[in-house]
Protein backbone atom coordinates (compact mmCIF):
# COMPACT_ATOMS: atom_id res chain seq x y z
CA MET A 1 6.84 47.74 -4.45
CA SER A 2 9.58 47.24 -7.02
CA GLN A 3 7.83 49.72 -9.34
CA ILE A 4 7.88 52.35 -6.58
CA ILE A 5 11.57 51.71 -5.95
CA ASP A 6 12.51 51.75 -9.64
CA LYS A 7 10.66 55.03 -10.20
CA ALA A 8 12.21 56.61 -7.10
CA ILE A 9 15.71 55.63 -8.23
CA GLU A 10 15.03 56.90 -11.73
CA ASP A 11 13.71 60.27 -10.56
CA PHE A 12 16.02 60.86 -7.58
CA HIS A 13 18.68 63.56 -7.43
CA GLY A 14 20.62 64.01 -4.22
CA GLY A 15 22.51 62.03 -1.61
CA ILE A 16 22.19 58.29 -2.07
CA ASP A 17 21.94 57.83 1.69
CA GLU A 18 18.53 59.57 1.70
CA LEU A 19 17.30 57.40 -1.17
CA GLU A 20 18.57 54.27 0.55
CA SER A 21 16.87 55.23 3.81
CA ALA A 22 13.56 55.94 2.06
CA ILE A 23 13.66 52.54 0.34
CA GLY A 24 14.42 50.90 3.68
CA VAL A 25 11.41 52.57 5.27
CA LEU A 26 9.27 51.31 2.38
CA ALA A 27 10.46 47.75 3.00
CA ILE A 28 9.96 47.94 6.78
CA GLY A 29 6.61 49.71 6.47
CA ARG A 30 5.13 46.63 4.81
CA HIS A 31 5.80 44.68 8.00
CA VAL A 32 5.04 47.21 10.71
CA GLY A 33 2.47 49.59 9.18
CA TRP A 34 2.41 53.37 9.01
CA ARG A 35 1.81 53.99 12.71
CA VAL A 36 5.15 52.45 13.66
CA LEU A 37 6.85 54.59 11.02
CA TYR A 38 5.35 57.70 12.63
CA ILE A 39 6.61 56.54 16.02
CA VAL A 40 10.14 55.92 14.78
CA HIS A 41 10.56 58.94 12.47
CA SER A 42 9.72 62.62 12.73
CA LYS A 43 6.88 64.00 10.61
CA ARG A 44 9.47 65.90 8.61
CA THR A 45 11.44 62.74 7.84
CA ILE A 46 8.27 60.85 6.89
CA LYS A 47 7.33 63.66 4.49
CA LYS A 48 10.83 63.63 2.95
CA TYR A 49 10.73 59.86 2.37
CA GLU A 50 7.21 60.04 0.93
CA GLU A 51 8.38 62.70 -1.52
CA ILE A 52 11.42 60.64 -2.54
CA LEU A 53 9.25 57.56 -3.12
CA GLY A 54 6.21 59.34 -4.55
CA VAL A 55 3.84 57.64 -2.09
CA ASN A 56 1.76 58.41 0.97
CA PHE A 57 2.57 55.91 3.72
CA ARG A 58 -0.91 56.21 5.23
CA GLU A 59 -2.34 55.10 1.89
CA GLU A 60 0.39 52.60 1.07
CA PHE A 61 0.41 50.65 4.36
CA PRO A 62 -2.18 49.53 6.90
CA LYS A 63 -2.20 51.24 10.32
CA GLU A 64 -0.65 48.13 11.80
CA GLY A 65 1.33 45.55 9.89
CA PRO A 66 1.83 41.95 11.03
CA ASP A 67 4.96 42.92 12.97
CA ALA A 68 3.72 46.20 14.48
CA ASP A 69 3.75 44.87 18.03
CA ARG A 70 7.44 44.06 17.74
CA SER A 71 8.04 47.81 17.98
CA ILE A 72 8.66 48.71 21.61
CA GLY A 73 7.69 52.32 20.96
CA TYR A 74 4.43 51.34 19.32
CA ARG A 75 3.50 48.99 22.14
CA ILE A 76 4.05 51.86 24.57
CA ALA A 77 2.10 54.35 22.42
CA LYS A 78 -0.89 52.00 22.22
CA ARG A 79 -1.32 52.31 25.98
CA PHE A 80 -2.31 55.96 25.59
CA SER A 81 -5.72 57.18 24.49
CA ASN A 82 -4.48 59.43 21.68
CA PHE A 83 -1.85 58.08 19.28
CA TRP A 84 -1.17 61.49 17.72
CA LYS A 85 -0.48 63.13 21.09
CA VAL A 86 2.21 60.51 21.70
CA VAL A 87 3.71 61.02 18.22
CA SER A 88 3.75 64.80 18.60
CA GLY A 89 5.30 64.64 22.06
CA GLU A 90 2.27 66.20 23.73
CA GLU A 91 1.98 63.05 25.86
CA LYS A 92 5.21 62.60 27.77
CA VAL A 93 6.54 59.08 27.30
CA ASP A 94 9.80 57.41 28.28
CA ARG A 95 11.48 56.95 24.91
CA THR A 96 14.16 54.49 26.05
CA ASN A 97 14.41 51.73 23.43
CA TRP A 98 11.70 53.54 21.45
CA ARG A 99 13.16 52.56 18.06
CA GLU A 100 13.88 48.92 18.80
CA LEU A 101 12.13 45.80 17.59
CA ALA A 102 11.69 42.97 20.04
């Protein structure tokens, strides 16, 4: 992980807040897995962070990390038959506390 971070810092040009956010997602992704990241962030944001870091989260992380079920949004999404319909908004879900860890 430190090699990914070092390379991203070395290659990055732009606002440091975006770089910092991408590195934070990398750190959290290890614990929650890529599905939680897709619940918490838009596809566009995921793509931006992957480009900054030079990784693909679906290849870098398991579907579910050891702390995936701490994500309220992910616990809710798992109740539905199609994960991607929930992520895309096709399945209507109450998104109150969606981004919180319990």
